[in-house]
Amino acid sequence: RAELVEKIRVLGQDVLDGVSFGFNNAVDQLKILNPTAELDTEELSMLKRVGNGQIIIPPEYAEMVEEEEEDEQENGEKGQEEEGHDESNS
């Protein structure tokens, strides 16, 4: 049973990784196809969808979107700290 549960977890992660890759690839292609347009990709997420002409977070993905946004903020802050650190070393 444990083996089956692990296999399902691995397959689920593989699916998520594939969807994430496809989503990011589509966004990158849109940027290449529209080089003169400033596309606002800040609020894009593979977990969000369009509803009533707006980008919405389906309730079943709300917690995952919050975690994704927190991770992005932490990564951005770490990147800024590293940039500042590099500047002080010059």
N, C-alpha and C. Protein backbone atom coordinates (compact mmCIF):
# COMPACT_ATOMS: atom_id res chain seq x y z
N ARG A 1 0.82 -1.19 0.00
CA ARG A 1 0.00 0.00 0.00
C ARG A 1 0.86 1.26 0.00
N ALA A 2 1.91 1.28 0.80
CA ALA A 2 2.80 2.44 0.87
C ALA A 2 3.45 2.71 -0.48
N GLU A 3 3.79 1.62 -1.18
CA GLU A 3 4.39 1.76 -2.50
C GLU A 3 3.42 2.43 -3.48
N LEU A 4 2.17 2.03 -3.43
CA LEU A 4 1.14 2.60 -4.29
C LEU A 4 0.92 4.08 -3.98
N VAL A 5 0.87 4.42 -2.71
CA VAL A 5 0.68 5.81 -2.30
C VAL A 5 1.85 6.66 -2.79
N GLU A 6 3.07 6.15 -2.68
CA GLU A 6 4.25 6.88 -3.15
C GLU A 6 4.21 7.06 -4.67
N LYS A 7 3.81 6.01 -5.38
CA LYS A 7 3.71 6.09 -6.84
C LYS A 7 2.68 7.15 -7.26
N ILE A 8 1.56 7.20 -6.58
CA ILE A 8 0.52 8.20 -6.87
C ILE A 8 1.05 9.60 -6.59
N ARG A 9 1.80 9.77 -5.49
CA ARG A 9 2.37 11.07 -5.16
C ARG A 9 3.35 11.52 -6.25
N VAL A 10 4.21 10.60 -6.68
CA VAL A 10 5.19 10.91 -7.73
C VAL A 10 4.49 11.27 -9.04
N LEU A 11 3.48 10.51 -9.42
CA LEU A 11 2.74 10.80 -10.65
C LEU A 11 2.03 12.15 -10.55
N GLY A 12 1.45 12.45 -9.40
CA GLY A 12 0.80 13.74 -9.19
C GLY A 12 1.77 14.89 -9.35
N GLN A 13 2.98 14.73 -8.80
CA GLN A 13 4.00 15.77 -8.92
C GLN A 13 4.45 15.91 -10.37
N ASP A 14 4.57 14.78 -11.08
CA ASP A 14 4.94 14.82 -12.50
C ASP A 14 3.90 15.59 -13.31
N VAL A 15 2.63 15.37 -13.04
CA VAL A 15 1.55 16.08 -13.73
C VAL A 15 1.65 17.57 -13.43
N LEU A 16 1.82 17.92 -12.15
CA LEU A 16 1.93 19.33 -11.76
C LEU A 16 3.13 19.99 -12.44
N ASP A 17 4.26 19.30 -12.47
CA ASP A 17 5.45 19.83 -13.14
C ASP A 17 5.21 20.05 -14.63
N GLY A 18 4.51 19.11 -15.27
CA GLY A 18 4.21 19.24 -16.70
C GLY A 18 3.28 20.40 -16.99
N VAL A 19 2.27 20.56 -16.16
CA VAL A 19 1.33 21.68 -16.33
C VAL A 19 2.07 23.00 -16.12
N SER A 20 2.90 23.06 -15.10
CA SER A 20 3.66 24.27 -14.81
C SER A 20 4.58 24.62 -15.98
N PHE A 21 5.27 23.63 -16.52
CA PHE A 21 6.14 23.86 -17.67
C PHE A 21 5.35 24.39 -18.85
N GLY A 22 4.22 23.76 -19.15
CA GLY A 22 3.39 24.19 -20.28
C GLY A 22 2.88 25.61 -20.11
N PHE A 23 2.45 25.94 -18.90
CA PHE A 23 1.95 27.28 -18.62
C PHE A 23 3.07 28.32 -18.82
N ASN A 24 4.23 28.07 -18.22
CA ASN A 24 5.35 29.01 -18.34
C ASN A 24 5.82 29.11 -19.78
N ASN A 25 5.79 28.01 -20.51
CA ASN A 25 6.17 28.02 -21.91
C ASN A 25 5.21 28.89 -22.73
N ALA A 26 3.92 28.77 -22.47
CA ALA A 26 2.92 29.58 -23.19
C ALA A 26 3.12 31.07 -22.90
N VAL A 27 3.39 31.42 -21.65
CA VAL A 27 3.63 32.82 -21.28
C VAL A 27 4.88 33.33 -22.01
N ASP A 28 5.95 32.54 -22.01
CA ASP A 28 7.18 32.94 -22.69
C ASP A 28 6.95 33.13 -24.19
N GLN A 29 6.16 32.26 -24.81
CA GLN A 29 5.87 32.40 -26.23
C GLN A 29 5.08 33.67 -26.51
N LEU A 30 4.13 34.00 -25.66
CA LEU A 30 3.36 35.24 -25.83
C LEU A 30 4.28 36.46 -25.77
N LYS A 31 5.25 36.42 -24.88
CA LYS A 31 6.20 37.54 -24.77
C LYS A 31 7.04 37.67 -26.03
N ILE A 32 7.46 36.54 -26.60
CA ILE A 32 8.26 36.56 -27.83
C ILE A 32 7.42 37.04 -29.01
N LEU A 33 6.18 36.59 -29.09
CA LEU A 33 5.31 36.97 -30.21
C LEU A 33 4.84 38.42 -30.13
N ASN A 34 4.94 39.03 -28.97
CA ASN A 34 4.48 40.41 -28.77
C ASN A 34 5.59 41.24 -28.13
N PRO A 35 6.74 41.36 -28.81
CA PRO A 35 7.89 42.03 -28.19
C PRO A 35 7.67 43.51 -27.90
N THR A 36 6.79 44.14 -28.64
CA THR A 36 6.57 45.58 -28.41
C THR A 36 5.47 45.84 -27.39
N ALA A 37 4.72 44.82 -27.05
CA ALA A 37 3.65 44.99 -26.06
C ALA A 37 4.19 44.69 -24.67
N GLU A 38 3.80 45.51 -23.72
CA GLU A 38 4.18 45.25 -22.33
C GLU A 38 3.09 44.40 -21.70
N LEU A 39 3.31 43.09 -21.70
CA LEU A 39 2.33 42.17 -21.13
C LEU A 39 2.49 42.14 -19.61
N ASP A 40 1.40 42.37 -18.91
CA ASP A 40 1.41 42.30 -17.45
C ASP A 40 1.22 40.85 -17.05
N THR A 41 2.29 40.22 -16.62
CA THR A 41 2.23 38.82 -16.22
C THR A 41 2.34 38.66 -14.70
N GLU A 42 2.33 39.76 -13.99
CA GLU A 42 2.51 39.76 -12.53
C GLU A 42 1.49 38.87 -11.82
N GLU A 43 0.24 38.95 -12.20
CA GLU A 43 -0.83 38.22 -11.50
C GLU A 43 -1.17 36.87 -12.13
N LEU A 44 -0.42 36.47 -13.17
CA LEU A 44 -0.70 35.19 -13.81
C LEU A 44 -0.35 34.03 -12.90
N SER A 45 -1.13 33.00 -12.97
CA SER A 45 -0.85 31.77 -12.23
C SER A 45 -1.56 30.62 -12.95
N MET A 46 -0.90 29.49 -13.00
CA MET A 46 -1.54 28.33 -13.63
C MET A 46 -2.73 27.85 -12.82
N LEU A 47 -2.86 28.30 -11.58
CA LEU A 47 -3.96 27.87 -10.71
C LEU A 47 -5.18 28.78 -10.82
N LYS A 48 -5.02 29.94 -11.45
CA LYS A 48 -6.14 30.88 -11.58
C LYS A 48 -6.88 30.60 -12.88
N ARG A 49 -8.09 31.18 -13.01
CA ARG A 49 -8.87 31.02 -14.24
C ARG A 49 -9.65 32.30 -14.49
N VAL A 50 -10.24 32.38 -15.67
CA VAL A 50 -11.06 33.54 -16.02
C VAL A 50 -12.51 33.23 -15.69
N GLY A 51 -13.15 34.18 -15.01
CA GLY A 51 -14.57 34.06 -14.68
C GLY A 51 -15.19 35.44 -14.66
N ASN A 52 -16.26 35.62 -15.38
CA ASN A 52 -16.95 36.92 -15.47
C ASN A 52 -16.01 38.05 -15.88
N GLY A 53 -15.11 37.76 -16.81
CA GLY A 53 -14.21 38.78 -17.33
C GLY A 53 -13.08 39.17 -16.39
N GLN A 54 -12.85 38.38 -15.36
CA GLN A 54 -11.78 38.67 -14.40
C GLN A 54 -10.96 37.41 -14.15
N ILE A 55 -9.73 37.62 -13.69
CA ILE A 55 -8.92 36.48 -13.26
C ILE A 55 -9.29 36.19 -11.82
N ILE A 56 -9.70 34.94 -11.57
CA ILE A 56 -10.14 34.57 -10.23
C ILE A 56 -9.36 33.34 -9.74
N ILE A 57 -9.37 33.17 -8.43
CA ILE A 57 -8.77 32.00 -7.82
C ILE A 57 -9.89 31.06 -7.42
N PRO A 58 -9.96 29.89 -8.04
CA PRO A 58 -10.98 28.93 -7.62
C PRO A 58 -10.77 28.57 -6.15
N PRO A 59 -11.84 28.44 -5.37
CA PRO A 59 -11.70 28.17 -3.94
C PRO A 59 -10.80 26.98 -3.62
N GLU A 60 -10.85 25.95 -4.46
CA GLU A 60 -10.05 24.76 -4.18
C GLU A 60 -8.54 24.99 -4.34
N TYR A 61 -8.16 26.12 -4.98
CA TYR A 61 -6.74 26.42 -5.18
C TYR A 61 -6.28 27.62 -4.36
N ALA A 62 -7.15 28.23 -3.57
CA ALA A 62 -6.81 29.46 -2.85
C ALA A 62 -5.57 29.29 -1.97
N GLU A 63 -5.52 28.21 -1.21
CA GLU A 63 -4.38 28.00 -0.32
C GLU A 63 -3.08 27.80 -1.10
N MET A 64 -3.16 27.06 -2.20
CA MET A 64 -1.97 26.83 -3.03
C MET A 64 -1.47 28.13 -3.65
N VAL A 65 -2.39 29.00 -4.08
CA VAL A 65 -2.00 30.28 -4.68
C VAL A 65 -1.32 31.15 -3.63
N GLU A 66 -1.85 31.17 -2.41
CA GLU A 66 -1.23 31.95 -1.34
C GLU A 66 0.20 31.47 -1.08
N GLU A 67 0.40 30.16 -1.02
CA GLU A 67 1.73 29.60 -0.81
C GLU A 67 2.66 29.96 -1.96
N GLU A 68 2.15 29.90 -3.19
CA GLU A 68 2.93 30.24 -4.37
C GLU A 68 3.38 31.70 -4.31
N GLU A 69 2.47 32.60 -3.93
CA GLU A 69 2.79 34.02 -3.85
C GLU A 69 3.77 34.30 -2.72
N GLU A 70 3.65 33.60 -1.58
CA GLU A 70 4.59 33.77 -0.48
C GLU A 70 5.98 33.32 -0.91
N ASP A 71 6.07 32.20 -1.62
CA ASP A 71 7.36 31.71 -2.11
C ASP A 71 7.99 32.72 -3.06
N GLU A 72 7.19 33.31 -3.94
CA GLU A 72 7.71 34.30 -4.88
C GLU A 72 8.22 35.53 -4.15
N GLN A 73 7.51 35.98 -3.11
CA GLN A 73 7.95 37.13 -2.32
C GLN A 73 9.26 36.82 -1.62
N GLU A 74 9.36 35.64 -1.00
CA GLU A 74 10.59 35.26 -0.32
C GLU A 74 11.75 35.19 -1.29
N ASN A 75 11.53 34.62 -2.46
CA ASN A 75 12.59 34.53 -3.46
C ASN A 75 13.00 35.91 -3.95
N GLY A 76 12.05 36.81 -4.11
CA GLY A 76 12.35 38.18 -4.52
C GLY A 76 13.15 38.92 -3.48
N GLU A 77 12.81 38.75 -2.21
CA GLU A 77 13.54 39.39 -1.13
C GLU A 77 14.96 38.84 -1.04
N LYS A 78 15.12 37.54 -1.19
CA LYS A 78 16.45 36.94 -1.16
C LYS A 78 17.29 37.46 -2.32
N GLY A 79 16.68 37.61 -3.49
CA GLY A 79 17.38 38.12 -4.66
C GLY A 79 17.85 39.55 -4.45
N GLN A 80 17.02 40.37 -3.81
CA GLN A 80 17.40 41.75 -3.53
C GLN A 80 18.53 41.81 -2.52
N GLU A 81 18.47 40.95 -1.49
CA GLU A 81 19.54 40.90 -0.50
C GLU A 81 20.85 40.51 -1.16
N GLU A 82 20.81 39.54 -2.05
CA GLU A 82 22.01 39.09 -2.74
C GLU A 82 22.55 40.19 -3.63
N GLU A 83 21.68 40.93 -4.31
CA GLU A 83 22.13 42.03 -5.16
C GLU A 83 22.81 43.09 -4.31
N GLY A 84 22.22 43.46 -3.20
CA GLY A 84 22.81 44.45 -2.31
C GLY A 84 24.14 43.97 -1.76
N HIS A 85 24.24 42.69 -1.43
CA HIS A 85 25.47 42.11 -0.91
C HIS A 85 26.57 42.19 -1.95
N ASP A 86 26.24 41.88 -3.19
CA ASP A 86 27.23 41.93 -4.26
C ASP A 86 27.76 43.34 -4.46
N GLU A 87 26.87 44.34 -4.37
CA GLU A 87 27.27 45.72 -4.57
C GLU A 87 28.24 46.17 -3.49
N SER A 88 28.06 45.74 -2.25
CA SER A 88 28.92 46.19 -1.16
C SER A 88 30.30 45.55 -1.26
N ASN A 89 30.41 44.46 -2.00
CA ASN A 89 31.70 43.80 -2.15
C ASN A 89 32.56 44.44 -3.24
N SER A 90 32.02 45.38 -4.02
CA SER A 90 32.82 45.94 -5.10
C SER A 90 33.57 47.17 -4.68
